[in-house]
Protein backbone atom coordinates (compact mmCIF):
# COMPACT_ATOMS: atom_id res chain seq x y z
CA MET A 1 -89.11 21.73 -86.13
CA ASN A 2 -89.64 18.07 -87.00
CA ASN A 3 -86.85 15.54 -87.33
CA PRO A 4 -85.48 15.43 -90.91
CA TRP A 5 -85.92 11.66 -91.00
CA GLU A 6 -89.69 12.20 -90.96
CA ASN A 7 -89.49 13.88 -94.37
CA ILE A 8 -87.18 11.50 -96.26
CA ASP A 9 -89.06 9.27 -98.70
CA ILE A 10 -88.34 5.55 -98.27
CA GLU A 11 -87.70 5.10 -102.01
CA ASP A 12 -85.14 7.91 -102.10
CA TYR A 13 -83.42 6.52 -99.02
CA GLU A 14 -83.26 2.94 -100.28
CA ASN A 15 -82.32 3.91 -103.83
CA HIS A 16 -79.42 5.96 -102.48
CA MET A 17 -78.29 3.24 -100.07
CA SER A 18 -78.36 0.52 -102.73
CA LEU A 19 -76.45 2.35 -105.50
CA ASP A 20 -73.40 0.37 -106.70
CA SER A 21 -71.20 3.28 -105.58
CA VAL A 22 -72.70 3.25 -102.07
CA PHE A 23 -73.69 -0.42 -101.58
CA GLN A 24 -74.70 0.05 -97.95
CA LEU A 25 -78.14 -1.56 -98.12
CA GLN A 26 -76.73 -4.81 -99.51
CA THR A 27 -73.72 -4.86 -97.18
CA MET A 28 -75.85 -4.16 -94.13
CA ASN A 29 -78.35 -6.81 -95.19
CA GLN A 30 -75.69 -9.52 -95.00
CA MET A 31 -74.31 -8.16 -91.73
CA MET A 32 -77.82 -8.18 -90.24
CA LYS A 33 -78.26 -11.85 -91.04
CA GLU A 34 -75.22 -12.51 -88.85
CA GLN A 35 -76.40 -10.09 -86.15
CA PHE A 36 -79.70 -11.96 -85.77
CA TYR A 37 -78.11 -15.38 -85.32
CA THR A 38 -74.90 -14.76 -83.36
CA TYR A 39 -76.53 -15.17 -79.95
CA SER A 40 -79.12 -17.50 -78.50
CA ILE A 41 -82.08 -15.11 -78.14
CA LYS A 42 -85.85 -15.02 -78.55
CA SER A 43 -86.57 -11.31 -79.01
CA ILE A 44 -84.94 -8.59 -81.10
CA MET A 45 -85.42 -4.84 -81.19
CA ILE A 46 -84.28 -3.18 -84.42
CA LEU A 47 -83.80 0.56 -83.94
CA GLY A 48 -84.27 2.66 -87.09
CA ILE A 49 -85.80 -0.25 -89.00
CA ALA A 50 -86.84 1.95 -92.00
CA GLY A 51 -88.36 -0.29 -94.69
CA GLY A 52 -87.29 -3.50 -92.98
CA ASN A 53 -84.02 -4.26 -94.76
CA GLY A 54 -82.74 -7.58 -93.35
CA LEU A 55 -86.09 -8.86 -92.10
CA GLU A 56 -86.18 -11.55 -94.78
CA HIS A 57 -83.54 -13.36 -92.69
CA ILE A 58 -85.92 -13.70 -89.72
CA ASN A 59 -87.07 -17.29 -89.24
CA LYS A 60 -90.38 -17.24 -87.36
CA GLN A 61 -89.51 -20.50 -85.64
CA SER A 62 -86.39 -18.94 -84.14
CA PHE A 63 -87.90 -15.83 -82.55
CA ASP A 64 -90.92 -15.01 -80.42
CA LYS A 65 -90.87 -11.26 -81.05
CA VAL A 66 -89.26 -8.70 -83.34
CA TYR A 67 -89.78 -5.02 -82.53
CA GLY A 68 -89.25 -2.50 -85.32
CA ILE A 69 -88.64 1.03 -84.05
CA ASP A 70 -88.60 4.13 -86.24
CA ILE A 71 -89.44 7.83 -86.13
CA ASN A 72 -91.12 7.66 -89.55
CA GLU A 73 -94.63 6.14 -89.58
CA ASN A 74 -94.51 5.69 -93.38
CA TYR A 75 -91.36 3.58 -93.08
CA LEU A 76 -93.10 1.34 -90.55
CA ASN A 77 -96.18 0.97 -92.73
CA THR A 78 -93.95 -0.02 -95.66
CA CYS A 79 -92.16 -2.49 -93.43
CA LYS A 80 -95.41 -4.16 -92.32
CA LYS A 81 -96.69 -4.40 -95.90
CA ARG A 82 -93.47 -5.96 -97.15
CA TYR A 83 -93.18 -8.53 -94.38
CA GLN A 84 -96.76 -9.64 -93.82
CA GLU A 85 -95.51 -13.19 -93.23
CA LEU A 86 -93.97 -11.89 -89.98
CA GLN A 87 -97.16 -10.24 -88.71
CA ASP A 88 -97.48 -12.78 -85.85
CA ILE A 89 -94.16 -11.72 -84.34
CA LEU A 90 -93.38 -8.26 -85.80
CA GLU A 91 -94.52 -5.25 -83.78
CA THR A 92 -93.71 -1.73 -84.97
CA ILE A 93 -93.45 1.28 -82.68
CA CYS A 94 -93.27 4.83 -84.02
CA VAL A 95 -91.25 6.93 -81.60
CA ASP A 96 -88.66 9.72 -81.54
CA LEU A 97 -86.00 8.18 -79.30
CA ASN A 98 -84.66 11.63 -78.44
CA GLN A 99 -88.02 12.57 -76.94
CA ASP A 100 -89.35 9.35 -75.44
CA THR A 101 -87.94 5.97 -74.49
CA ASN A 102 -90.84 4.99 -72.22
CA GLN A 103 -92.70 3.22 -75.01
CA LEU A 104 -89.88 0.75 -75.53
CA PRO A 105 -90.41 -2.82 -74.27
CA CYS A 106 -87.65 -5.19 -73.15
CA ALA A 107 -85.80 -7.39 -75.67
CA ASP A 108 -82.90 -9.86 -75.60
CA LEU A 109 -80.98 -8.11 -78.39
CA ILE A 110 -80.84 -4.53 -79.63
CA VAL A 111 -79.74 -4.05 -83.24
CA ALA A 112 -78.78 -0.43 -83.99
CA ASN A 113 -77.34 0.06 -87.47
CA LEU A 114 -76.36 3.55 -88.66
CA LEU A 115 -78.57 4.90 -85.91
CA ILE A 116 -76.32 6.08 -83.07
CA GLU A 117 -75.02 8.73 -85.49
CA TYR A 118 -78.50 10.31 -85.41
CA ILE A 119 -79.32 10.11 -81.69
CA GLY A 120 -75.91 10.39 -79.99
CA TYR A 121 -74.31 8.35 -77.20
CA GLU A 122 -76.36 9.72 -74.33
CA CYS A 123 -79.72 8.96 -75.93
CA PHE A 124 -78.48 5.51 -76.94
CA GLN A 125 -77.47 4.80 -73.33
CA LYS A 126 -81.02 5.71 -72.22
CA VAL A 127 -82.50 3.36 -74.80
CA VAL A 128 -80.23 0.50 -73.72
CA LYS A 129 -81.08 1.03 -70.05
CA LYS A 130 -84.81 1.00 -70.81
CA VAL A 131 -84.78 -2.08 -73.09
CA ASN A 132 -82.28 -3.91 -70.87
CA PRO A 133 -81.02 -6.40 -73.49
CA ARG A 134 -78.45 -9.09 -72.86
CA TYR A 135 -76.73 -8.18 -76.12
CA VAL A 136 -76.33 -5.06 -78.24
CA SER A 137 -75.10 -5.17 -81.83
CA CYS A 138 -74.50 -1.91 -83.66
CA ILE A 139 -73.09 -0.96 -87.03
CA ILE A 140 -71.41 2.40 -87.52
CA GLN A 141 -69.96 3.96 -90.63
CA VAL A 142 -66.29 4.86 -90.56
CA ASN A 143 -65.28 7.47 -93.12
CA THR A 144 -61.98 7.71 -94.83
CA ASN A 145 -63.16 10.91 -96.50
CA ASP A 146 -64.94 14.01 -95.24
CA SER A 147 -68.61 13.49 -96.04
CA PHE A 148 -70.88 11.25 -93.97
CA VAL A 149 -73.54 10.89 -96.68
CA SER A 150 -72.04 9.39 -99.84
CA ASP A 151 -72.30 11.34 -103.07
CA SER A 152 -75.27 10.27 -105.21
CA PRO A 153 -78.12 11.69 -107.33
CA TYR A 154 -80.22 11.57 -104.14
CA LEU A 155 -77.83 13.67 -102.08
CA HIS A 156 -80.18 16.67 -101.76
CA VAL A 157 -82.73 14.45 -100.00
CA PHE A 158 -80.39 14.27 -97.00
CA ASP A 159 -79.61 18.01 -96.77
CA ARG A 160 -81.13 18.46 -93.32
CA LEU A 161 -79.47 15.45 -91.68
CA ASP A 162 -76.63 17.68 -90.49
CA GLU A 163 -79.10 19.04 -87.92
CA VAL A 164 -79.21 15.68 -86.12
CA LEU A 165 -75.84 14.18 -86.99
CA HIS A 166 -73.53 13.26 -84.10
CA HIS A 167 -69.87 12.39 -84.37
CA VAL A 168 -69.57 8.70 -83.53
CA GLU A 169 -66.47 6.53 -83.39
CA GLU A 170 -65.55 3.06 -82.17
CA ASN A 171 -63.85 4.15 -78.93
CA GLY A 172 -66.69 6.51 -78.10
CA ILE A 173 -69.30 3.76 -78.37
CA VAL A 174 -67.21 1.33 -76.34
CA ASP A 175 -66.80 3.97 -73.64
CA ALA A 176 -70.50 4.90 -73.64
CA MET A 177 -71.52 1.25 -73.38
CA ARG A 178 -69.06 0.60 -70.57
CA LYS A 179 -70.76 3.34 -68.57
CA VAL A 180 -74.03 1.37 -68.75
CA ASN A 181 -72.27 -1.91 -67.85
CA TYR A 182 -71.83 -3.50 -71.27
CA LYS A 183 -68.49 -4.78 -72.47
CA LYS A 184 -67.30 -5.21 -76.05
CA ASP A 185 -67.75 -8.77 -77.25
CA LYS A 186 -66.67 -8.72 -80.89
CA GLN A 187 -65.95 -6.48 -83.84
CA GLN A 188 -66.07 -6.96 -87.59
CA GLU A 189 -65.57 -4.69 -90.61
CA SER A 190 -67.00 -4.64 -94.13
CA LYS A 191 -65.45 -2.36 -96.72
CA LEU A 192 -67.66 -0.29 -99.03
CA PRO A 193 -66.84 0.73 -102.61
CA ASN A 194 -66.38 4.44 -101.90
CA GLY A 195 -63.61 4.32 -99.30
CA LYS A 196 -65.96 4.00 -96.32
CA LYS A 197 -66.47 0.93 -94.19
CA LEU A 198 -69.17 -0.43 -91.93
CA VAL A 199 -67.99 -1.57 -88.52
CA ARG A 200 -70.10 -3.93 -86.45
CA ILE A 201 -69.45 -3.85 -82.71
CA ASP A 202 -71.25 -6.22 -80.32
CA PHE A 203 -71.66 -5.79 -76.58
CA THR A 204 -72.75 -8.07 -73.80
CA ARG A 205 -73.59 -7.50 -70.16
């Protein structure tokens, strides 16, 4: 059976994420701006890039290469259409990280936002080992209530995500990253309107 992310329409996903009651798209957008410019780097790999949220912060003079990785080819096509001004440096790769990490090139920084929840620690470790970045910056969602996907009119769109959802927490990521020789560098939190929060954790080797 295919991965549920291959069937979720980009408009449904973004409309859900940007609702005032969810506000994740906007919050993550601002956090990504900081992720891109915290470290002195020339190449970035964004895992689970979807429609390219955050790419408007990329200054072409600052980076040689930006890799956008996603399992959904339609997301990547949308991303390329939206950010044609980045076509010189933006390269998209359609891959299921659970099945294949061999296609992944090296990059100075991995950005993985709300992604580890859908591939798990072990797969993420494999990705990190293959890409061999100096820095890793990830954003996870911390729930103060029971449901991972926030309530919204689009909720039914995400029905199958339970099939691929992994339990992820701060200590678990720190431990998983330590096992592949990365140590925690910094941490920052942004509160969301519905009692959840986004936690950014950066690692360096």
